[in-house]
Amino acid sequence: MDTVRNEATRVRVLIVDDSALVRQLLTEILQAYPGIEVVGTAQDAYMAREKIKRLDPDVLTLDVEMPRMDGISFLRNLMRLRPMPVVMCSSLTEHGADVTLDALALGAVDFVTKPKVDVACRLEEYAQEIAAKVRAAAHARVVPLQETAAPPPPIRVVEKLSADAVLPKGGAPRHFRTTEQVIAIGASTGGTEAIKEVLVRMPPDAPGIVITQHIPKAFSGPFAARMNAACGLVVAEARDGQQILPGHVYIAPGDRHLLVVRDGALYRCRLNDGPPVQRHKPSVDVLFRSVAQNVGRNAVGIMLTGMGRDGAEGMKEMREAGAPCLAQDEATSVVWGMPGAAWAIGAAEVLLPLPAIAGRAMQIVAERGVGARAAS
């Protein structure tokens, strides 16, 4: 059964971590935010199991690596027997990335990096991030593990910049005489699994696909490798200057904005080291604006599950440039923030359940009469 929490209620959190220092730090951070109450802490999975029964928390923060039973094993049991919103705490390492992506595949709502207690100047930003993710998790759609286990068939507030900080809006979009198409996808919370759902349903000769998923630098490479292994497309982390080809997928690196630029008759990836936009780097707004300006009506925009509203304005620009734009519906979104924002401002022209999105995108491609072609 789906778990959706009433907005008016207080979010009750149980912190599970083997480090006493981390438990104390997370408790102090979350207790400082209105509407969040830390109801308890646990140092391992067995203690957590008992406290979940006794305290009935709304959200769990869960350490990836713990003694006696690791976080993944505990999460697997939890999502099978007592599904609830979980935010993983992970280290920014290759191993941490792999384990965290495993956790998201098992049903964890989101993740945060381990707090760096030795970097006080970043602590306020970290506090803002984890509080926002815990609040979002409390309202997230959570499904039991058996519904998601089988893969589908083939408080200092950081300045909130707009896409103008990276790519000026400029004049009217440029329309080019070309048969090549580009599919642009944006996602955040819940997006790693939603993107997989879309990609495995795409044919091998689909148009070139560019993706911005909010993800740290250490995670984007492993995430691209997982997607490459899961679907019939060639999936990789985007490189600057790389030509966008049919049957290929280009995922924004976790520390760079991804743009699509025009190079004669070709489209290419352009990586940009500009400031965060909508507090994100990479930003969906930046990707979508570049697609609106350089691909125009030859693009298809897709907004998947995610917290916040990054990408809504960029998708509106895509639609104004003539690109059909689709958004994931609320019922199938883990968090209906980004697609909901796109729908609210008229950027998305249709809402679809996640399993229907790839098929509708390819229908649009076919209806144009200029379907994807293999690179010649």
Protein backbone atom coordinates (compact mmCIF):
# COMPACT_ATOMS: atom_id res chain seq x y z
CA MET A 1 0.00 0.00 0.00
CA ASP A 2 1.26 3.50 -0.80
CA THR A 3 2.38 5.64 2.14
CA VAL A 4 1.47 9.34 1.92
CA ARG A 5 1.62 11.58 4.96
CA ASN A 6 -0.70 14.46 5.86
CA GLU A 7 1.07 17.80 5.36
CA ALA A 8 -0.15 19.21 8.70
CA THR A 9 1.43 16.53 10.88
CA ARG A 10 4.81 16.65 12.57
CA VAL A 11 7.51 14.47 10.96
CA ARG A 12 8.78 11.94 13.50
CA VAL A 13 12.29 10.69 12.68
CA LEU A 14 14.33 7.71 13.89
CA ILE A 15 18.09 8.04 13.28
CA VAL A 16 20.00 4.80 12.70
CA ASP A 17 23.80 5.08 12.66
CA ASP A 18 26.61 3.21 14.37
CA SER A 19 28.49 6.45 15.11
CA ALA A 20 27.44 8.18 18.34
CA LEU A 21 28.84 11.45 16.99
CA VAL A 22 26.78 11.24 13.80
CA ARG A 23 23.64 10.34 15.77
CA GLN A 24 24.16 13.37 17.98
CA LEU A 25 24.88 15.68 15.05
CA LEU A 26 21.86 14.55 13.04
CA THR A 27 19.64 14.85 16.11
CA GLU A 28 20.78 18.42 16.75
CA ILE A 29 20.35 19.38 13.09
CA LEU A 30 16.86 17.94 12.67
CA GLN A 31 15.52 19.02 16.07
CA ALA A 32 16.34 22.63 15.14
CA TYR A 33 13.82 22.58 12.28
CA PRO A 34 10.13 23.29 12.95
CA GLY A 35 7.89 20.39 12.09
CA ILE A 36 10.58 17.73 12.63
CA GLU A 37 10.93 15.69 15.81
CA VAL A 38 13.64 13.11 16.44
CA VAL A 39 11.82 10.42 18.40
CA GLY A 40 14.84 8.19 18.90
CA THR A 41 18.19 6.88 17.72
CA ALA A 42 19.62 3.38 17.18
CA GLN A 43 23.18 2.19 16.75
CA ASP A 44 22.40 -0.92 14.70
CA ALA A 45 19.67 -2.67 12.75
CA TYR A 46 18.48 -4.86 15.62
CA MET A 47 17.96 -1.89 17.93
CA ALA A 48 16.33 -0.02 15.05
CA ARG A 49 13.87 -2.87 14.49
CA GLU A 50 12.70 -2.71 18.10
CA LYS A 51 12.44 1.09 18.11
CA ILE A 52 10.44 1.12 14.88
CA LYS A 53 7.90 -1.20 16.54
CA ARG A 54 7.78 0.88 19.72
CA LEU A 55 8.06 4.45 18.37
CA ASP A 56 6.36 4.12 14.94
CA PRO A 57 8.46 6.84 13.23
CA ASP A 58 7.41 8.51 9.98
CA VAL A 59 10.91 8.62 8.46
CA LEU A 60 14.10 6.66 9.02
CA THR A 61 17.61 7.96 8.36
CA LEU A 62 19.74 4.87 7.79
CA ASP A 63 23.51 4.42 7.76
CA VAL A 64 24.81 2.37 4.84
CA GLU A 65 27.51 0.58 6.82
CA MET A 66 26.67 -0.78 10.29
CA PRO A 67 27.86 -3.67 12.49
CA ARG A 68 25.93 -6.95 12.84
CA MET A 69 23.61 -6.18 9.89
CA ASP A 70 24.50 -3.77 7.08
CA GLY A 71 22.10 -1.05 5.98
CA ILE A 72 21.19 -2.74 2.69
CA SER A 73 20.20 -6.02 4.33
CA PHE A 74 18.13 -4.17 6.90
CA LEU A 75 16.50 -2.00 4.24
CA ARG A 76 15.58 -5.05 2.16
CA ASN A 77 13.81 -6.62 5.13
CA LEU A 78 12.19 -3.35 6.12
CA MET A 79 10.77 -2.61 2.66
CA ARG A 80 9.39 -6.12 2.43
CA LEU A 81 7.81 -6.32 5.88
CA ARG A 82 7.17 -2.74 6.99
CA PRO A 83 7.68 -0.30 4.07
CA MET A 84 8.32 3.26 5.20
CA PRO A 85 10.19 6.36 3.96
CA VAL A 86 13.96 5.94 4.35
CA VAL A 87 16.73 8.48 3.71
CA MET A 88 20.12 6.81 3.40
CA CYS A 89 23.34 8.33 4.80
CA SER A 90 26.25 7.53 2.51
CA SER A 91 29.92 8.31 2.05
CA LEU A 92 31.09 9.98 -1.17
CA THR A 93 33.13 7.00 -2.35
CA GLU A 94 32.78 4.56 -5.23
CA HIS A 95 31.63 1.88 -2.79
CA GLY A 96 29.27 4.33 -1.11
CA ALA A 97 27.79 5.22 -4.51
CA ASP A 98 27.17 1.60 -5.46
CA VAL A 99 25.58 0.73 -2.12
CA THR A 100 23.41 3.86 -2.16
CA LEU A 101 22.17 3.10 -5.68
CA ASP A 102 21.33 -0.40 -4.42
CA ALA A 103 19.34 1.23 -1.60
CA LEU A 104 17.41 3.44 -4.00
CA ALA A 105 16.60 0.39 -6.11
CA LEU A 106 15.24 -1.31 -2.99
CA GLY A 107 12.91 1.60 -2.27
CA ALA A 108 14.83 4.19 -0.25
CA VAL A 109 13.34 7.61 -1.01
CA ASP A 110 16.56 9.63 -1.09
CA PHE A 111 20.05 9.90 0.33
CA VAL A 112 22.37 12.41 1.93
CA THR A 113 26.11 12.27 2.31
CA LYS A 114 27.64 11.66 5.71
CA PRO A 115 27.89 14.97 7.63
CA LYS A 116 31.39 16.39 7.58
CA VAL A 117 31.77 17.51 11.18
CA ASP A 118 35.19 18.98 10.47
CA VAL A 119 33.86 21.49 7.90
CA ALA A 120 31.78 23.89 9.99
CA CYS A 121 31.33 26.40 7.16
CA ARG A 122 29.30 23.83 5.18
CA LEU A 123 27.23 22.55 8.09
CA GLU A 124 24.36 24.99 7.58
CA GLU A 125 24.03 23.99 3.92
CA TYR A 126 24.06 20.34 4.94
CA ALA A 127 21.43 20.97 7.60
CA GLN A 128 19.18 22.65 5.06
CA GLU A 129 19.58 19.73 2.66
CA ILE A 130 18.85 16.92 5.09
CA ALA A 131 15.88 18.73 6.66
CA ALA A 132 14.34 19.27 3.22
CA LYS A 133 14.88 15.64 2.26
CA VAL A 134 13.41 14.32 5.49
CA ARG A 135 10.33 16.51 5.03
CA ALA A 136 9.95 15.38 1.42
CA ALA A 137 10.40 11.74 2.43
CA ALA A 138 7.51 12.04 4.88
CA HIS A 139 5.18 12.74 1.94
CA ALA A 140 6.81 10.34 -0.49
CA ARG A 141 5.11 7.45 -2.20
CA VAL A 142 6.56 4.24 -0.76
CA VAL A 143 5.69 0.80 -2.10
CA PRO A 144 6.47 -2.63 -0.67
CA LEU A 145 9.58 -4.28 -2.06
CA GLN A 146 7.73 -6.97 -3.98
CA GLU A 147 6.12 -4.29 -6.17
CA THR A 148 9.48 -2.93 -7.27
CA ALA A 149 11.85 -5.91 -7.03
CA ALA A 150 11.28 -7.20 -10.58
CA PRO A 151 12.74 -4.99 -13.34
CA PRO A 152 10.19 -3.66 -15.84
CA PRO A 153 10.24 -5.07 -19.35
CA PRO A 154 12.50 -3.61 -22.03
CA ILE A 155 20.41 27.67 8.13
CA ARG A 156 21.97 29.94 5.72
CA VAL A 157 19.90 29.96 2.63
CA VAL A 158 21.98 29.59 -0.50
CA GLU A 159 21.07 32.14 -3.16
CA LYS A 160 18.57 30.59 -5.53
CA LEU A 161 19.80 31.43 -9.02
CA SER A 162 17.88 30.96 -12.24
CA ALA A 163 19.23 29.48 -15.47
CA ASP A 164 20.26 33.04 -16.46
CA ALA A 165 23.35 32.51 -14.28
CA VAL A 166 24.61 29.88 -16.76
CA LEU A 167 22.78 30.48 -20.05
CA PRO A 168 21.07 33.79 -20.93
CA LYS A 169 17.52 33.40 -22.14
CA GLY A 170 18.16 35.36 -25.33
CA GLY A 171 15.71 35.88 -28.16
CA ALA A 172 13.51 33.52 -30.11
CA PRO A 173 14.60 29.89 -30.31
CA ARG A 174 16.47 28.90 -33.44
CA HIS A 175 14.79 26.22 -35.55
CA PHE A 176 16.98 24.12 -37.80
CA ARG A 177 16.21 22.00 -40.81
CA THR A 178 17.21 18.60 -39.49
CA THR A 179 15.71 15.17 -39.01
CA GLU A 180 17.64 14.47 -35.80
CA GLN A 181 15.67 14.59 -32.58
CA VAL A 182 16.70 14.80 -28.94
CA ILE A 183 14.85 13.58 -25.84
CA ALA A 184 15.67 15.61 -22.71
CA ILE A 185 14.89 14.17 -19.26
CA GLY A 186 15.03 15.84 -15.85
CA ALA A 187 14.67 14.13 -12.46
CA SER A 188 15.58 14.31 -8.79
CA THR A 189 14.19 12.42 -5.77
CA GLY A 190 13.19 8.94 -6.93
CA GLY A 191 14.70 9.64 -10.31
CA THR A 192 17.37 6.94 -10.45
CA GLU A 193 14.75 4.21 -10.64
CA ALA A 194 12.30 6.30 -12.71
CA ILE A 195 15.00 6.94 -15.32
CA LYS A 196 15.71 3.21 -15.47
CA GLU A 197 12.01 2.54 -16.04
CA VAL A 198 12.01 4.92 -19.00
CA LEU A 199 15.28 3.74 -20.54
CA VAL A 200 14.52 0.02 -20.45
CA ARG A 201 11.35 0.73 -22.45
CA MET A 202 13.17 2.67 -25.16
CA PRO A 203 14.12 0.93 -28.43
CA PRO A 204 17.81 0.68 -29.34
CA ASP A 205 17.37 3.22 -32.16
CA ALA A 206 15.69 5.89 -29.99
CA PRO A 207 16.80 9.48 -30.55
CA GLY A 208 19.78 10.69 -28.53
CA ILE A 209 18.74 11.17 -24.89
CA VAL A 210 20.24 13.76 -22.51
CA ILE A 211 19.56 13.49 -18.79
CA THR A 212 20.04 15.71 -15.77
CA GLN A 213 19.51 13.86 -12.50
CA HIS A 214 20.37 15.63 -9.23
CA ILE A 215 23.25 13.46 -8.05
CA PRO A 216 26.74 13.98 -6.54
CA LYS A 217 29.89 13.75 -8.65
CA ALA A 218 30.91 10.42 -7.12
CA PHE A 219 27.54 8.89 -8.02
CA SER A 220 26.93 9.95 -11.64
CA GLY A 221 29.54 7.61 -13.18
CA PRO A 222 28.33 4.48 -11.33
CA PHE A 223 24.73 5.46 -12.06
CA ALA A 224 25.46 5.74 -15.81
CA ALA A 225 27.19 2.35 -15.73
CA ARG A 226 24.13 0.78 -14.09
CA MET A 227 21.80 2.25 -16.68
CA ASN A 228 24.10 1.03 -19.47
CA ALA A 229 23.90 -2.52 -18.11
CA ALA A 230 20.12 -2.36 -17.66
CA CYS A 231 18.91 -1.26 -21.09
CA GLY A 232 19.51 -1.69 -24.81
CA LEU A 233 20.88 1.83 -25.25
CA VAL A 234 24.48 2.96 -24.85
CA VAL A 235 24.53 4.98 -21.62
CA ALA A 236 27.49 7.02 -20.36
CA GLU A 237 28.38 10.08 -18.35
CA ALA A 238 28.42 13.02 -20.77
CA ARG A 239 31.76 14.41 -21.98
CA ASP A 240 32.32 17.93 -23.20
CA GLY A 241 32.03 18.19 -26.99
CA GLN A 242 30.59 14.68 -27.39
CA GLN A 243 28.29 14.25 -30.38
CA ILE A 244 24.72 13.27 -29.49
CA LEU A 245 23.84 10.12 -31.43
CA PRO A 246 20.69 8.01 -31.76
CA GLY A 247 20.67 5.00 -29.47
CA HIS A 248 22.89 6.79 -26.94
CA VAL A 249 22.16 8.34 -23.55
CA TYR A 250 24.24 11.13 -21.97
CA ILE A 251 23.96 11.70 -18.22
CA ALA A 252 25.14 14.97 -16.67
CA PRO A 253 28.19 14.59 -14.41
CA GLY A 254 27.36 15.30 -10.78
CA ASP A 255 29.40 18.51 -10.69
CA ARG A 256 28.69 20.09 -14.10
CA HIS A 257 25.68 21.53 -15.92
CA LEU A 258 24.86 19.66 -19.14
CA LEU A 259 23.82 21.72 -22.16
CA VAL A 260 22.95 20.74 -25.72
CA VAL A 261 24.59 22.93 -28.37
CA ARG A 262 24.37 23.06 -32.15
CA ASP A 263 27.44 22.34 -34.30
CA GLY A 264 26.40 22.65 -37.92
CA ALA A 265 24.14 19.69 -38.61
CA LEU A 266 25.09 18.03 -35.31
CA TYR A 267 24.09 18.29 -31.68
CA ARG A 268 26.81 18.09 -29.05
CA CYS A 269 27.07 17.95 -25.27
CA ARG A 270 28.56 20.99 -23.58
CA LEU A 271 29.60 20.82 -19.92
CA ASN A 272 29.48 24.03 -17.92
CA ASP A 273 31.10 24.80 -14.55
CA GLY A 274 28.81 27.73 -13.74
CA PRO A 275 27.13 28.32 -10.37
CA PRO A 276 24.31 26.13 -9.04
CA VAL A 277 20.89 26.92 -10.51
CA GLN A 278 17.81 26.39 -8.34
CA ARG A 279 20.52 25.33 -5.85
CA HIS A 280 21.43 22.41 -8.10
CA LYS A 281 24.47 21.57 -10.19
CA PRO A 282 23.66 20.00 -12.57
CA SER A 283 20.37 21.80 -13.09
CA VAL A 284 17.42 20.64 -15.16
CA ASP A 285 16.52 24.25 -15.97
CA VAL A 286 19.89 24.73 -17.64
CA LEU A 287 19.56 21.56 -19.73
CA PHE A 288 16.00 22.32 -20.80
CA ARG A 289 16.79 25.93 -21.71
CA SER A 290 19.70 24.82 -23.90
CA VAL A 291 17.44 22.30 -25.61
CA ALA A 292 14.77 24.96 -26.18
CA GLN A 293 17.33 27.28 -27.75
CA ASN A 294 19.25 24.78 -29.86
CA VAL A 295 16.88 21.88 -30.61
CA GLY A 296 13.50 23.59 -30.42
CA ARG A 297 10.57 21.66 -31.89
CA ASN A 298 12.82 18.69 -32.69
CA ALA A 299 13.01 17.86 -28.97
CA VAL A 300 10.79 15.98 -26.54
CA GLY A 301 10.87 17.04 -22.88
CA ILE A 302 10.24 14.63 -20.01
CA MET A 303 9.99 15.60 -16.33
CA LEU A 304 10.19 12.77 -13.84
CA THR A 305 9.77 12.53 -10.07
CA GLY A 306 11.70 15.02 -7.95
CA MET A 307 11.64 17.43 -5.04
CA GLY A 308 11.41 21.16 -5.71
CA ARG A 309 10.74 22.93 -9.00
CA ASP A 310 14.02 22.78 -10.92
CA GLY A 311 13.28 22.38 -14.62
CA ALA A 312 9.74 23.78 -14.65
CA GLU A 313 10.70 27.11 -16.24
CA GLY A 314 13.11 25.43 -18.64
CA MET A 315 10.42 22.99 -19.73
CA LYS A 316 8.05 25.90 -20.31
CA GLU A 317 10.65 27.41 -22.63
CA MET A 318 10.89 24.07 -24.45
CA ARG A 319 7.14 23.96 -24.93
CA GLU A 320 7.10 27.57 -26.14
CA ALA A 321 9.78 26.56 -28.66
CA GLY A 322 7.44 23.88 -30.03
CA ALA A 323 8.71 20.81 -28.20
CA PRO A 324 6.11 18.36 -26.85
CA CYS A 325 6.58 18.04 -23.07
CA LEU A 326 5.51 15.17 -20.81
CA ALA A 327 5.48 14.88 -17.02
CA GLN A 328 5.14 11.95 -14.65
CA ASP A 329 1.81 11.85 -12.84
CA GLU A 330 1.44 12.20 -9.09
CA ALA A 331 0.28 8.64 -8.48
CA THR A 332 3.51 7.09 -9.77
CA SER A 333 5.96 9.78 -8.57
CA VAL A 334 7.97 9.24 -5.40
CA VAL A 335 7.80 13.03 -4.87
CA TRP A 336 5.54 15.10 -7.13
CA GLY A 337 7.50 18.33 -6.85
CA MET A 338 9.24 18.95 -10.17
CA PRO A 339 6.58 17.37 -12.41
CA GLY A 340 3.86 19.04 -10.35
CA ALA A 341 5.53 22.44 -10.77
CA ALA A 342 5.85 21.91 -14.53
CA TRP A 343 2.18 20.98 -14.74
CA ALA A 344 1.09 23.95 -12.60
CA ILE A 345 2.67 26.53 -14.91
CA GLY A 346 1.54 24.86 -18.13
CA ALA A 347 5.01 23.63 -19.09
CA ALA A 348 3.91 20.00 -19.38
CA GLU A 349 1.05 19.33 -21.76
CA VAL A 350 0.18 15.86 -20.48
CA LEU A 351 0.61 13.82 -17.28
CA LEU A 352 1.38 10.14 -17.67
CA PRO A 353 2.03 7.20 -15.36
CA LEU A 354 5.71 6.27 -15.38
CA PRO A 355 5.33 3.04 -17.43
CA ALA A 356 3.61 4.97 -20.25
CA ILE A 357 6.17 7.74 -20.70
CA ALA A 358 8.68 6.01 -22.98
CA GLY A 359 5.95 4.75 -25.29
CA ARG A 360 4.37 8.18 -25.60
CA ALA A 361 7.73 9.81 -26.32
CA MET A 362 8.45 7.32 -29.10
CA GLN A 363 4.92 7.81 -30.47
CA ILE A 364 5.68 11.53 -30.77
CA VAL A 365 8.93 10.71 -32.56
CA ALA A 366 7.13 8.41 -35.01
CA GLU A 367 4.27 10.87 -35.64
CA ARG A 368 6.74 13.49 -36.78
CA GLY A 369 7.73 11.17 -39.59
CA VAL A 370 11.37 11.66 -38.76
CA GLY A 371 11.92 8.78 -36.36
CA ALA A 372 15.28 7.96 -34.95
CA ARG A 373 17.85 6.56 -37.36
CA ALA A 374 21.03 4.67 -36.60
CA ALA A 375 24.14 6.80 -36.98
CA SER A 376 25.42 6.54 -40.53
